[in-house]
């Protein structure tokens, strides 16, 4: 396993967040690095991500998720479906402590990790569910439901649409803009906006797909 160079990673994170115009306090920077350290540590045992190099994780995971943060301006309650290792949900919860962020996954080892992150980082705005999104019981619906490389857009909205409040929207983090998936969306859902993202240090396509009624 490659060494965890906290100073080097801090520099990558600082430069990346500036390029993305996402303002982070010193505490938020420290929390993101602490989260990355936990991800590296747990990944050695639980295989939370196929990326092994902490430097690559900083770009492919932290900055990739931070790039989406401005899209959640105005959101209040967000659900991250198929949250896995906590992307984008944990990054969003750190960057936007005013948001109530719920994360759901069916895999116990992944939600155990997310609960550990919540405890160690003191993220009072985070709730973790271990369940299928089709079956989960939540106290109130969400105004935004998000996912990162989770599923086909049709499955995403079919499985979790009942948890979206009236007038809410889906924000899916995707790589290449999925034209065929957009066309297969079931009525009354439709793509309301497609936004290309530029992730510092990453030479690959990234898109946000906004879906509403």
N, C-alpha and C. Protein backbone atom coordinates (compact mmCIF):
# COMPACT_ATOMS: atom_id res chain seq x y z
N UNK A 1 0.84 -1.19 0.00
CA UNK A 1 0.00 0.00 0.00
C UNK A 1 0.88 1.25 0.00
N UNK A 2 0.56 2.22 -0.84
CA UNK A 2 1.37 3.42 -0.93
C UNK A 2 1.22 4.24 0.36
N UNK A 3 2.29 4.98 0.75
CA UNK A 3 2.23 5.75 1.99
C UNK A 3 1.21 6.88 1.90
N UNK A 4 0.67 7.25 3.08
CA UNK A 4 -0.31 8.34 3.15
C UNK A 4 0.44 9.63 3.45
N UNK A 5 0.73 10.38 2.39
CA UNK A 5 1.48 11.64 2.51
C UNK A 5 0.49 12.77 2.76
N UNK A 6 0.21 13.05 4.03
CA UNK A 6 -0.85 14.00 4.36
C UNK A 6 -0.56 15.40 3.81
N UNK A 7 0.70 15.83 3.88
CA UNK A 7 1.03 17.17 3.38
C UNK A 7 0.84 17.26 1.87
N UNK A 8 1.30 16.23 1.16
CA UNK A 8 1.13 16.22 -0.29
C UNK A 8 -0.34 16.17 -0.69
N UNK A 9 -1.11 15.37 0.03
CA UNK A 9 -2.54 15.26 -0.25
C UNK A 9 -3.27 16.56 0.09
N UNK A 10 -2.83 17.22 1.17
CA UNK A 10 -3.42 18.51 1.55
C UNK A 10 -3.21 19.54 0.45
N UNK A 11 -2.03 19.52 -0.17
CA UNK A 11 -1.74 20.46 -1.25
C UNK A 11 -2.63 20.20 -2.47
N UNK A 12 -2.81 18.93 -2.81
CA UNK A 12 -3.69 18.56 -3.93
C UNK A 12 -5.13 19.01 -3.65
N UNK A 13 -5.58 18.76 -2.42
CA UNK A 13 -6.95 19.12 -2.05
C UNK A 13 -7.14 20.63 -2.05
N UNK A 14 -6.16 21.38 -1.53
CA UNK A 14 -6.27 22.83 -1.47
C UNK A 14 -6.30 23.44 -2.88
N UNK A 15 -5.40 22.97 -3.74
CA UNK A 15 -5.36 23.48 -5.11
C UNK A 15 -6.64 23.12 -5.87
N UNK A 16 -7.10 21.88 -5.66
CA UNK A 16 -8.30 21.43 -6.34
C UNK A 16 -9.55 22.18 -5.92
N UNK A 17 -9.70 22.39 -4.62
CA UNK A 17 -10.89 23.09 -4.13
C UNK A 17 -10.89 24.55 -4.60
N UNK A 18 -9.68 25.16 -4.67
CA UNK A 18 -9.60 26.53 -5.20
C UNK A 18 -10.03 26.57 -6.67
N UNK A 19 -9.54 25.60 -7.45
CA UNK A 19 -9.89 25.55 -8.87
C UNK A 19 -11.39 25.35 -9.07
N UNK A 20 -12.01 24.63 -8.15
CA UNK A 20 -13.45 24.36 -8.24
C UNK A 20 -14.29 25.47 -7.62
N UNK A 21 -13.62 26.45 -6.98
CA UNK A 21 -14.30 27.55 -6.28
C UNK A 21 -15.24 27.03 -5.19
N UNK A 22 -14.79 25.95 -4.53
CA UNK A 22 -15.52 25.43 -3.37
C UNK A 22 -14.75 25.88 -2.12
N UNK A 23 -15.36 26.76 -1.35
CA UNK A 23 -14.69 27.30 -0.17
C UNK A 23 -14.77 26.31 0.99
N UNK A 24 -13.60 25.99 1.55
CA UNK A 24 -13.52 25.05 2.66
C UNK A 24 -12.71 25.68 3.79
N UNK A 25 -13.19 25.51 5.01
CA UNK A 25 -12.45 25.99 6.17
C UNK A 25 -11.30 25.03 6.48
N UNK A 26 -10.41 25.43 7.38
CA UNK A 26 -9.33 24.55 7.79
C UNK A 26 -9.88 23.25 8.37
N UNK A 27 -10.97 23.37 9.13
CA UNK A 27 -11.59 22.18 9.72
C UNK A 27 -12.13 21.24 8.65
N UNK A 28 -12.76 21.80 7.62
CA UNK A 28 -13.30 20.98 6.54
C UNK A 28 -12.17 20.30 5.75
N UNK A 29 -11.08 21.03 5.51
CA UNK A 29 -9.91 20.41 4.87
C UNK A 29 -9.42 19.22 5.69
N UNK A 30 -9.30 19.45 7.01
CA UNK A 30 -8.81 18.38 7.90
C UNK A 30 -9.77 17.19 7.89
N UNK A 31 -11.08 17.45 7.89
CA UNK A 31 -12.06 16.37 7.88
C UNK A 31 -11.98 15.55 6.59
N UNK A 32 -11.79 16.23 5.47
CA UNK A 32 -11.68 15.52 4.19
C UNK A 32 -10.43 14.64 4.17
N UNK A 33 -9.33 15.13 4.72
CA UNK A 33 -8.10 14.32 4.79
C UNK A 33 -8.26 13.17 5.77
N UNK A 34 -8.95 13.42 6.88
CA UNK A 34 -9.23 12.33 7.84
C UNK A 34 -10.11 11.26 7.20
N UNK A 35 -11.10 11.70 6.44
CA UNK A 35 -11.97 10.76 5.72
C UNK A 35 -11.15 9.94 4.73
N UNK A 36 -10.27 10.59 4.00
CA UNK A 36 -9.43 9.89 3.03
C UNK A 36 -8.53 8.87 3.72
N UNK A 37 -7.99 9.24 4.88
CA UNK A 37 -7.15 8.32 5.64
C UNK A 37 -7.93 7.09 6.08
N UNK A 38 -9.18 7.29 6.51
CA UNK A 38 -10.03 6.16 6.90
C UNK A 38 -10.37 5.29 5.69
N UNK A 39 -10.62 5.93 4.56
CA UNK A 39 -10.94 5.19 3.33
C UNK A 39 -9.76 4.31 2.93
N UNK A 40 -8.55 4.86 3.00
CA UNK A 40 -7.35 4.08 2.66
C UNK A 40 -7.19 2.91 3.63
N UNK A 41 -7.37 3.19 4.91
CA UNK A 41 -7.19 2.16 5.95
C UNK A 41 -8.20 1.02 5.79
N UNK A 42 -9.46 1.36 5.68
CA UNK A 42 -10.51 0.34 5.57
C UNK A 42 -10.47 -0.37 4.23
N UNK A 43 -10.03 0.34 3.20
CA UNK A 43 -9.99 -0.25 1.85
C UNK A 43 -9.03 -1.43 1.78
N UNK A 44 -8.02 -1.41 2.61
CA UNK A 44 -7.04 -2.50 2.62
C UNK A 44 -7.68 -3.83 3.03
N UNK A 45 -8.78 -3.74 3.78
CA UNK A 45 -9.45 -4.94 4.28
C UNK A 45 -10.79 -5.18 3.57
N UNK A 46 -11.55 -4.10 3.36
CA UNK A 46 -12.93 -4.24 2.90
C UNK A 46 -13.15 -3.96 1.42
N UNK A 47 -12.11 -3.53 0.69
CA UNK A 47 -12.24 -3.30 -0.75
C UNK A 47 -13.40 -2.37 -1.09
N UNK A 48 -13.36 -1.17 -0.51
CA UNK A 48 -14.41 -0.18 -0.73
C UNK A 48 -14.29 0.49 -2.09
N UNK A 49 -13.08 0.52 -2.63
CA UNK A 49 -12.84 1.12 -3.94
C UNK A 49 -11.67 0.40 -4.60
N UNK A 50 -11.71 0.33 -5.93
CA UNK A 50 -10.62 -0.33 -6.66
C UNK A 50 -9.38 0.55 -6.73
N UNK A 51 -9.53 1.84 -6.41
CA UNK A 51 -8.39 2.76 -6.41
C UNK A 51 -7.59 2.55 -5.12
N UNK A 52 -6.29 2.33 -5.25
CA UNK A 52 -5.45 2.02 -4.09
C UNK A 52 -4.52 3.16 -3.69
N UNK A 53 -4.14 3.98 -4.63
CA UNK A 53 -3.18 5.05 -4.39
C UNK A 53 -3.90 6.25 -3.75
N UNK A 54 -3.48 6.69 -2.55
CA UNK A 54 -4.14 7.83 -1.90
C UNK A 54 -4.18 9.08 -2.76
N UNK A 55 -3.11 9.31 -3.55
CA UNK A 55 -3.08 10.49 -4.41
C UNK A 55 -4.16 10.41 -5.49
N UNK A 56 -4.33 9.21 -6.06
CA UNK A 56 -5.40 9.01 -7.04
C UNK A 56 -6.77 9.14 -6.39
N UNK A 57 -6.89 8.63 -5.17
CA UNK A 57 -8.15 8.75 -4.43
C UNK A 57 -8.52 10.22 -4.23
N UNK A 58 -7.52 11.05 -3.95
CA UNK A 58 -7.78 12.47 -3.72
C UNK A 58 -8.43 13.11 -4.94
N UNK A 59 -7.93 12.74 -6.13
CA UNK A 59 -8.48 13.30 -7.36
C UNK A 59 -9.77 12.60 -7.78
N UNK A 60 -9.71 11.26 -7.88
CA UNK A 60 -10.84 10.49 -8.42
C UNK A 60 -12.04 10.47 -7.49
N UNK A 61 -11.81 10.64 -6.19
CA UNK A 61 -12.91 10.56 -5.24
C UNK A 61 -13.24 11.91 -4.58
N UNK A 62 -12.25 12.53 -3.91
CA UNK A 62 -12.54 13.78 -3.21
C UNK A 62 -12.86 14.92 -4.17
N UNK A 63 -11.95 15.20 -5.11
CA UNK A 63 -12.19 16.32 -6.02
C UNK A 63 -13.35 16.05 -6.96
N UNK A 64 -13.51 14.80 -7.38
CA UNK A 64 -14.63 14.43 -8.24
C UNK A 64 -15.96 14.72 -7.54
N UNK A 65 -16.03 14.42 -6.25
CA UNK A 65 -17.26 14.69 -5.49
C UNK A 65 -17.39 16.18 -5.18
N UNK A 66 -16.28 16.85 -4.85
CA UNK A 66 -16.33 18.29 -4.57
C UNK A 66 -16.81 19.08 -5.78
N UNK A 67 -16.49 18.59 -6.98
CA UNK A 67 -16.91 19.28 -8.21
C UNK A 67 -18.43 19.38 -8.30
N UNK A 68 -19.12 18.44 -7.66
CA UNK A 68 -20.59 18.42 -7.72
C UNK A 68 -21.24 19.28 -6.64
N UNK A 69 -20.47 19.71 -5.64
CA UNK A 69 -21.05 20.41 -4.49
C UNK A 69 -21.87 21.64 -4.87
N UNK A 70 -21.40 22.51 -5.79
CA UNK A 70 -22.20 23.69 -6.15
C UNK A 70 -23.60 23.36 -6.68
N UNK A 71 -23.77 22.16 -7.24
CA UNK A 71 -25.07 21.77 -7.78
C UNK A 71 -26.12 21.60 -6.68
N UNK A 72 -25.66 21.46 -5.43
CA UNK A 72 -26.58 21.22 -4.32
C UNK A 72 -26.94 22.51 -3.58
N UNK A 73 -26.59 23.65 -4.16
CA UNK A 73 -26.98 24.94 -3.57
C UNK A 73 -28.50 25.00 -3.44
N UNK A 74 -28.96 25.33 -2.26
CA UNK A 74 -30.41 25.41 -2.03
C UNK A 74 -31.02 24.12 -1.52
N UNK A 75 -30.27 23.02 -1.58
CA UNK A 75 -30.78 21.74 -1.07
C UNK A 75 -30.84 21.78 0.46
N UNK A 76 -31.73 20.97 1.04
CA UNK A 76 -31.86 20.89 2.50
C UNK A 76 -31.63 19.48 3.01
N UNK A 77 -32.27 18.51 2.36
CA UNK A 77 -32.17 17.11 2.77
C UNK A 77 -31.82 16.26 1.56
N UNK A 78 -30.66 15.60 1.62
CA UNK A 78 -30.15 14.86 0.47
C UNK A 78 -30.01 13.38 0.84
N UNK A 79 -30.38 12.51 -0.11
CA UNK A 79 -30.16 11.07 0.04
C UNK A 79 -29.16 10.62 -1.01
N UNK A 80 -28.09 9.94 -0.57
CA UNK A 80 -27.09 9.36 -1.46
C UNK A 80 -27.38 7.87 -1.57
N UNK A 81 -27.82 7.44 -2.75
CA UNK A 81 -28.24 6.05 -2.96
C UNK A 81 -27.06 5.21 -3.48
N UNK A 82 -26.89 4.02 -2.91
CA UNK A 82 -25.75 3.19 -3.27
C UNK A 82 -24.46 3.89 -2.89
N UNK A 83 -24.42 4.36 -1.63
CA UNK A 83 -23.38 5.29 -1.19
C UNK A 83 -21.98 4.67 -1.17
N UNK A 84 -21.90 3.34 -1.05
CA UNK A 84 -20.59 2.69 -1.08
C UNK A 84 -19.66 3.21 -0.01
N UNK A 85 -18.52 3.75 -0.44
CA UNK A 85 -17.55 4.29 0.49
C UNK A 85 -17.83 5.72 0.92
N UNK A 86 -19.00 6.26 0.50
CA UNK A 86 -19.40 7.59 0.96
C UNK A 86 -19.25 8.70 -0.06
N UNK A 87 -19.31 8.34 -1.33
CA UNK A 87 -19.13 9.31 -2.40
C UNK A 87 -20.38 9.41 -3.25
N UNK A 88 -20.97 10.59 -3.36
CA UNK A 88 -20.47 11.87 -2.88
C UNK A 88 -20.94 12.26 -1.48
N UNK A 89 -21.75 11.40 -0.82
CA UNK A 89 -22.46 11.82 0.39
C UNK A 89 -21.60 12.37 1.52
N UNK A 90 -20.51 11.66 1.86
CA UNK A 90 -19.66 12.11 2.96
C UNK A 90 -18.97 13.42 2.60
N UNK A 91 -18.46 13.52 1.37
CA UNK A 91 -17.82 14.76 0.91
C UNK A 91 -18.81 15.91 0.96
N UNK A 92 -20.04 15.66 0.53
CA UNK A 92 -21.09 16.68 0.56
C UNK A 92 -21.41 17.11 1.99
N UNK A 93 -21.48 16.13 2.90
CA UNK A 93 -21.78 16.42 4.30
C UNK A 93 -20.69 17.26 4.96
N UNK A 94 -19.44 17.03 4.56
CA UNK A 94 -18.32 17.81 5.10
C UNK A 94 -18.32 19.22 4.51
N UNK A 95 -18.51 19.30 3.20
CA UNK A 95 -18.45 20.60 2.52
C UNK A 95 -19.67 21.47 2.83
N UNK A 96 -20.80 20.83 3.14
CA UNK A 96 -22.05 21.56 3.43
C UNK A 96 -22.63 21.08 4.76
N UNK A 97 -22.05 21.52 5.88
CA UNK A 97 -22.54 21.07 7.19
C UNK A 97 -23.97 21.50 7.49
N UNK A 98 -24.52 22.44 6.69
CA UNK A 98 -25.91 22.87 6.86
C UNK A 98 -26.89 21.86 6.27
N UNK A 99 -26.38 20.93 5.45
CA UNK A 99 -27.23 19.92 4.81
C UNK A 99 -27.44 18.72 5.71
N UNK A 100 -28.63 18.15 5.67
CA UNK A 100 -28.88 16.84 6.28
C UNK A 100 -28.65 15.80 5.19
N UNK A 101 -27.64 14.97 5.36
CA UNK A 101 -27.25 14.01 4.33
C UNK A 101 -27.48 12.58 4.85
N UNK A 102 -28.31 11.83 4.13
CA UNK A 102 -28.52 10.41 4.44
C UNK A 102 -27.83 9.58 3.38
N UNK A 103 -27.21 8.48 3.81
CA UNK A 103 -26.52 7.58 2.89
C UNK A 103 -27.11 6.19 3.06
N UNK A 104 -27.36 5.52 1.93
CA UNK A 104 -27.95 4.19 2.00
C UNK A 104 -27.16 3.22 1.12
N UNK A 105 -26.93 2.02 1.65
CA UNK A 105 -26.29 0.96 0.88
C UNK A 105 -26.79 -0.37 1.44
N UNK A 106 -26.77 -1.40 0.61
CA UNK A 106 -27.24 -2.71 1.06
C UNK A 106 -26.13 -3.52 1.71
N UNK A 107 -24.87 -3.11 1.51
CA UNK A 107 -23.73 -3.89 1.97
C UNK A 107 -23.30 -3.46 3.37
N UNK A 108 -23.37 -4.39 4.32
CA UNK A 108 -23.12 -4.05 5.72
C UNK A 108 -21.73 -3.51 5.96
N UNK A 109 -20.71 -4.08 5.29
CA UNK A 109 -19.34 -3.61 5.54
C UNK A 109 -19.18 -2.15 5.09
N UNK A 110 -19.92 -1.76 4.06
CA UNK A 110 -19.84 -0.38 3.59
C UNK A 110 -20.53 0.58 4.56
N UNK A 111 -21.71 0.18 5.05
CA UNK A 111 -22.40 1.06 5.99
C UNK A 111 -21.70 1.08 7.35
N UNK A 112 -21.01 0.00 7.71
CA UNK A 112 -20.20 0.00 8.94
C UNK A 112 -19.09 1.04 8.82
N UNK A 113 -18.48 1.10 7.64
CA UNK A 113 -17.46 2.10 7.39
C UNK A 113 -18.04 3.51 7.48
N UNK A 114 -19.19 3.72 6.86
CA UNK A 114 -19.81 5.05 6.88
C UNK A 114 -20.16 5.49 8.30
N UNK A 115 -20.62 4.54 9.12
CA UNK A 115 -20.94 4.87 10.52
C UNK A 115 -19.67 5.22 11.29
N UNK A 116 -18.57 4.53 10.97
CA UNK A 116 -17.29 4.84 11.60
C UNK A 116 -16.81 6.24 11.21
N UNK A 117 -16.97 6.59 9.95
CA UNK A 117 -16.61 7.93 9.47
C UNK A 117 -17.45 8.99 10.19
N UNK A 118 -18.74 8.75 10.27
CA UNK A 118 -19.65 9.69 10.97
C UNK A 118 -19.18 9.91 12.40
N UNK A 119 -18.83 8.81 13.11
CA UNK A 119 -18.42 8.90 14.51
C UNK A 119 -17.07 9.60 14.66
N UNK A 120 -16.09 9.19 13.87
CA UNK A 120 -14.73 9.73 14.03
C UNK A 120 -14.62 11.18 13.59
N UNK A 121 -15.41 11.57 12.59
CA UNK A 121 -15.34 12.94 12.11
C UNK A 121 -16.37 13.85 12.77
N UNK A 122 -17.24 13.27 13.60
CA UNK A 122 -18.24 14.06 14.30
C UNK A 122 -19.25 14.70 13.37
N UNK A 123 -19.70 13.93 12.38
CA UNK A 123 -20.64 14.47 11.38
C UNK A 123 -22.08 14.31 11.86
N UNK A 124 -22.54 15.29 12.60
CA UNK A 124 -23.89 15.23 13.18
C UNK A 124 -24.98 15.32 12.12
N UNK A 125 -24.63 15.78 10.91
CA UNK A 125 -25.62 15.94 9.84
C UNK A 125 -25.76 14.71 8.96
N UNK A 126 -25.15 13.58 9.37
CA UNK A 126 -25.16 12.36 8.56
C UNK A 126 -26.01 11.27 9.20
N UNK A 127 -26.82 10.59 8.38
CA UNK A 127 -27.60 9.41 8.79
C UNK A 127 -27.26 8.28 7.82
N UNK A 128 -27.06 7.07 8.35
CA UNK A 128 -26.69 5.93 7.52
C UNK A 128 -27.75 4.85 7.61
N UNK A 129 -28.17 4.33 6.46
CA UNK A 129 -29.15 3.24 6.40
C UNK A 129 -28.52 2.03 5.72
N UNK A 130 -28.75 0.85 6.29
CA UNK A 130 -28.37 -0.40 5.63
C UNK A 130 -29.66 -1.05 5.14
N UNK A 131 -29.95 -0.91 3.86
CA UNK A 131 -31.22 -1.41 3.32
C UNK A 131 -31.23 -1.23 1.81
N UNK A 132 -32.21 -1.89 1.16
CA UNK A 132 -32.49 -1.59 -0.23
C UNK A 132 -33.27 -0.29 -0.28
N UNK A 133 -32.95 0.57 -1.23
CA UNK A 133 -33.62 1.87 -1.29
C UNK A 133 -35.12 1.69 -1.55
N UNK A 134 -35.50 0.57 -2.22
CA UNK A 134 -36.92 0.33 -2.49
C UNK A 134 -37.69 0.04 -1.21
N UNK A 135 -36.99 -0.41 -0.16
CA UNK A 135 -37.66 -0.88 1.05
C UNK A 135 -37.42 -0.01 2.28
N UNK A 136 -36.51 0.95 2.19
CA UNK A 136 -36.13 1.72 3.37
C UNK A 136 -37.30 2.59 3.86
N UNK A 137 -37.40 2.72 5.17
CA UNK A 137 -38.40 3.60 5.78
C UNK A 137 -37.68 4.82 6.34
N UNK A 138 -38.05 6.01 5.87
CA UNK A 138 -37.41 7.24 6.33
C UNK A 138 -38.47 8.15 6.95
N UNK A 139 -38.06 9.03 7.88
CA UNK A 139 -39.04 9.88 8.55
C UNK A 139 -39.70 10.91 7.66
N UNK A 140 -39.01 11.34 6.60
CA UNK A 140 -39.57 12.36 5.70
C UNK A 140 -38.86 12.25 4.36
N UNK A 141 -39.53 12.68 3.27
CA UNK A 141 -38.90 12.60 1.95
C UNK A 141 -37.76 13.61 1.80
N UNK A 142 -37.03 13.47 0.70
CA UNK A 142 -35.85 14.30 0.44
C UNK A 142 -36.12 15.26 -0.71
N UNK A 143 -35.47 16.44 -0.66
CA UNK A 143 -35.65 17.37 -1.78
C UNK A 143 -34.65 17.10 -2.90
N UNK A 144 -33.54 16.38 -2.58
CA UNK A 144 -32.60 15.95 -3.61
C UNK A 144 -32.17 14.51 -3.32
N UNK A 145 -32.19 13.67 -4.36
CA UNK A 145 -31.65 12.31 -4.26
C UNK A 145 -30.51 12.20 -5.28
N UNK A 146 -29.36 11.73 -4.80
CA UNK A 146 -28.18 11.68 -5.66
C UNK A 146 -27.59 10.28 -5.70
N UNK A 147 -26.71 10.06 -6.66
CA UNK A 147 -25.95 8.81 -6.73
C UNK A 147 -24.73 9.05 -7.60
N UNK A 148 -23.73 8.23 -7.39
CA UNK A 148 -22.50 8.33 -8.20
C UNK A 148 -22.21 6.96 -8.79
N UNK A 149 -22.33 6.88 -10.11
CA UNK A 149 -22.06 5.61 -10.80
C UNK A 149 -22.82 4.45 -10.15
N UNK A 150 -24.09 4.70 -9.81
CA UNK A 150 -24.88 3.72 -9.07
C UNK A 150 -25.59 2.73 -9.98
N UNK A 151 -26.38 3.23 -10.92
CA UNK A 151 -27.22 2.35 -11.73
C UNK A 151 -27.69 3.10 -12.96
N UNK A 152 -28.35 2.38 -13.84
CA UNK A 152 -29.03 3.00 -14.97
C UNK A 152 -30.00 4.06 -14.44
N UNK A 153 -30.13 5.17 -15.14
CA UNK A 153 -30.98 6.27 -14.66
C UNK A 153 -32.42 5.81 -14.43
N UNK A 154 -32.92 4.91 -15.27
CA UNK A 154 -34.29 4.42 -15.10
C UNK A 154 -34.43 3.67 -13.79
N UNK A 155 -33.48 2.79 -13.48
CA UNK A 155 -33.51 2.07 -12.21
C UNK A 155 -33.40 3.04 -11.04
N UNK A 156 -32.54 4.02 -11.17
CA UNK A 156 -32.32 5.01 -10.12
C UNK A 156 -33.62 5.70 -9.74
N UNK A 157 -34.37 6.19 -10.74
CA UNK A 157 -35.60 6.91 -10.42
C UNK A 157 -36.74 5.95 -10.04
N UNK A 158 -36.78 4.76 -10.66
CA UNK A 158 -37.83 3.80 -10.32
C UNK A 158 -37.69 3.30 -8.88
N UNK A 159 -36.45 3.04 -8.46
CA UNK A 159 -36.21 2.48 -7.14
C UNK A 159 -36.36 3.50 -6.02
N UNK A 160 -36.05 4.77 -6.31
CA UNK A 160 -36.01 5.74 -5.21
C UNK A 160 -36.98 6.91 -5.37
N UNK A 161 -37.76 6.91 -6.45
CA UNK A 161 -38.68 8.03 -6.70
C UNK A 161 -39.68 8.28 -5.58
N UNK A 162 -40.07 7.22 -4.87
CA UNK A 162 -41.06 7.37 -3.79
C UNK A 162 -40.51 8.13 -2.60
N UNK A 163 -39.18 8.32 -2.56
CA UNK A 163 -38.54 9.02 -1.44
C UNK A 163 -38.29 10.49 -1.74
N UNK A 164 -38.65 10.92 -2.95
CA UNK A 164 -38.43 12.31 -3.36
C UNK A 164 -39.67 13.14 -3.08
N UNK A 165 -39.47 14.28 -2.45
CA UNK A 165 -40.62 15.13 -2.15
C UNK A 165 -41.12 15.80 -3.42
N UNK A 166 -42.36 16.26 -3.39
CA UNK A 166 -42.96 16.95 -4.53
C UNK A 166 -42.12 18.16 -4.89
N UNK A 167 -41.76 18.26 -6.18
CA UNK A 167 -40.92 19.38 -6.62
C UNK A 167 -39.44 19.15 -6.44
N UNK A 168 -39.07 17.99 -5.91
CA UNK A 168 -37.65 17.67 -5.71
C UNK A 168 -37.00 17.23 -7.01
N UNK A 169 -35.69 16.95 -6.95
CA UNK A 169 -34.99 16.53 -8.15
C UNK A 169 -33.93 15.48 -7.83
N UNK A 170 -33.60 14.71 -8.87
CA UNK A 170 -32.48 13.78 -8.81
C UNK A 170 -31.25 14.47 -9.40
N UNK A 171 -30.08 14.20 -8.81
CA UNK A 171 -28.81 14.64 -9.40
C UNK A 171 -27.91 13.41 -9.46
N UNK A 172 -27.68 12.90 -10.66
CA UNK A 172 -26.85 11.71 -10.84
C UNK A 172 -25.47 12.13 -11.32
N UNK A 173 -24.42 11.60 -10.67
CA UNK A 173 -23.05 11.85 -11.09
C UNK A 173 -22.64 10.74 -12.04
N UNK A 174 -22.33 11.13 -13.25
CA UNK A 174 -22.00 10.16 -14.30
C UNK A 174 -20.67 10.52 -14.96
N UNK A 175 -20.12 9.57 -15.70
CA UNK A 175 -18.93 9.82 -16.50
C UNK A 175 -19.35 10.44 -17.83
N UNK A 176 -19.37 9.63 -18.88
CA UNK A 176 -19.85 10.08 -20.18
C UNK A 176 -21.36 10.33 -20.09
N UNK A 177 -21.82 11.38 -20.73
CA UNK A 177 -23.26 11.69 -20.71
C UNK A 177 -24.05 10.54 -21.31
N UNK A 178 -24.92 9.91 -20.56
CA UNK A 178 -25.58 8.67 -21.01
C UNK A 178 -26.85 8.94 -21.83
N UNK A 179 -26.66 9.17 -23.14
CA UNK A 179 -27.80 9.53 -23.99
C UNK A 179 -28.87 8.44 -24.00
N UNK A 180 -28.45 7.17 -24.09
CA UNK A 180 -29.43 6.09 -24.16
C UNK A 180 -30.21 5.97 -22.85
N UNK A 181 -29.54 6.19 -21.73
CA UNK A 181 -30.22 6.13 -20.43
C UNK A 181 -31.25 7.26 -20.32
N UNK A 182 -30.90 8.43 -20.82
CA UNK A 182 -31.83 9.56 -20.76
C UNK A 182 -33.11 9.25 -21.53
N UNK A 183 -32.93 8.60 -22.68
CA UNK A 183 -34.09 8.30 -23.53
C UNK A 183 -35.00 7.26 -22.90
N UNK A 184 -34.43 6.40 -22.04
CA UNK A 184 -35.22 5.32 -21.44
C UNK A 184 -35.93 5.74 -20.16
N UNK A 185 -35.76 6.97 -19.72
CA UNK A 185 -36.40 7.40 -18.48
C UNK A 185 -37.92 7.23 -18.56
N UNK A 186 -38.53 6.66 -17.53
CA UNK A 186 -39.98 6.47 -17.55
C UNK A 186 -40.72 7.79 -17.29
N UNK A 187 -41.85 7.97 -17.95
CA UNK A 187 -42.68 9.13 -17.67
C UNK A 187 -43.14 9.06 -16.21
N UNK A 188 -43.29 10.20 -15.53
CA UNK A 188 -43.17 11.58 -16.02
C UNK A 188 -41.76 12.17 -15.86
N UNK A 189 -40.78 11.33 -15.58
CA UNK A 189 -39.42 11.85 -15.34
C UNK A 189 -38.75 12.26 -16.64
N UNK A 190 -37.97 13.34 -16.57
CA UNK A 190 -37.20 13.78 -17.75
C UNK A 190 -35.94 14.50 -17.28
N UNK A 191 -34.92 14.51 -18.14
CA UNK A 191 -33.69 15.24 -17.84
C UNK A 191 -33.97 16.73 -17.99
N UNK A 192 -33.77 17.48 -16.92
CA UNK A 192 -34.02 18.92 -16.96
C UNK A 192 -32.75 19.71 -17.24
N UNK A 193 -31.59 19.09 -16.98
CA UNK A 193 -30.32 19.76 -17.25
C UNK A 193 -29.19 18.73 -17.30
N UNK A 194 -28.26 18.96 -18.19
CA UNK A 194 -27.05 18.12 -18.27
C UNK A 194 -25.86 19.06 -18.15
N UNK A 195 -25.05 18.84 -17.13
CA UNK A 195 -23.94 19.75 -16.85
C UNK A 195 -22.60 19.01 -16.90
N UNK A 196 -21.70 19.47 -17.76
CA UNK A 196 -20.35 18.90 -17.81
C UNK A 196 -19.53 19.45 -16.66
N UNK A 197 -18.72 18.59 -16.05
CA UNK A 197 -17.85 19.00 -14.95
C UNK A 197 -16.39 18.87 -15.37
N UNK A 198 -15.58 19.78 -14.86
CA UNK A 198 -14.14 19.66 -15.04
C UNK A 198 -13.53 19.41 -13.66
N UNK A 199 -12.91 18.26 -13.52
CA UNK A 199 -12.29 17.89 -12.24
C UNK A 199 -10.79 18.14 -12.35
N UNK A 200 -10.23 18.99 -11.48
CA UNK A 200 -8.80 19.29 -11.56
C UNK A 200 -7.95 18.01 -11.48
N UNK A 201 -7.03 17.88 -12.42
CA UNK A 201 -6.14 16.73 -12.42
C UNK A 201 -6.71 15.48 -13.05
N UNK A 202 -7.94 15.57 -13.58
CA UNK A 202 -8.59 14.39 -14.15
C UNK A 202 -8.92 14.64 -15.62
N UNK A 203 -8.32 13.86 -16.48
CA UNK A 203 -8.56 13.99 -17.92
C UNK A 203 -9.59 12.95 -18.35
N UNK A 204 -10.81 13.17 -17.92
CA UNK A 204 -11.90 12.25 -18.25
C UNK A 204 -13.22 13.01 -18.18
N UNK A 205 -14.20 12.52 -18.93
CA UNK A 205 -15.52 13.17 -18.92
C UNK A 205 -16.24 12.94 -17.61
N UNK A 206 -16.88 13.99 -17.12
CA UNK A 206 -17.73 13.90 -15.95
C UNK A 206 -18.97 14.76 -16.20
N UNK A 207 -20.12 14.24 -15.84
CA UNK A 207 -21.38 14.99 -16.04
C UNK A 207 -22.29 14.85 -14.83
N UNK A 208 -23.07 15.90 -14.62
CA UNK A 208 -24.19 15.82 -13.69
C UNK A 208 -25.47 15.75 -14.52
N UNK A 209 -26.33 14.81 -14.17
CA UNK A 209 -27.62 14.67 -14.85
C UNK A 209 -28.72 15.06 -13.85
N UNK A 210 -29.43 16.12 -14.15
CA UNK A 210 -30.53 16.59 -13.29
C UNK A 210 -31.83 16.03 -13.85
N UNK A 211 -32.62 15.41 -13.00
CA UNK A 211 -33.87 14.77 -13.43
C UNK A 211 -35.01 15.27 -12.55
N UNK A 212 -36.10 15.64 -13.19
CA UNK A 212 -37.29 16.07 -12.46
C UNK A 212 -38.53 15.70 -13.26
N UNK A 213 -39.68 16.18 -12.77
CA UNK A 213 -40.94 15.91 -13.48
C UNK A 213 -41.32 17.09 -14.34
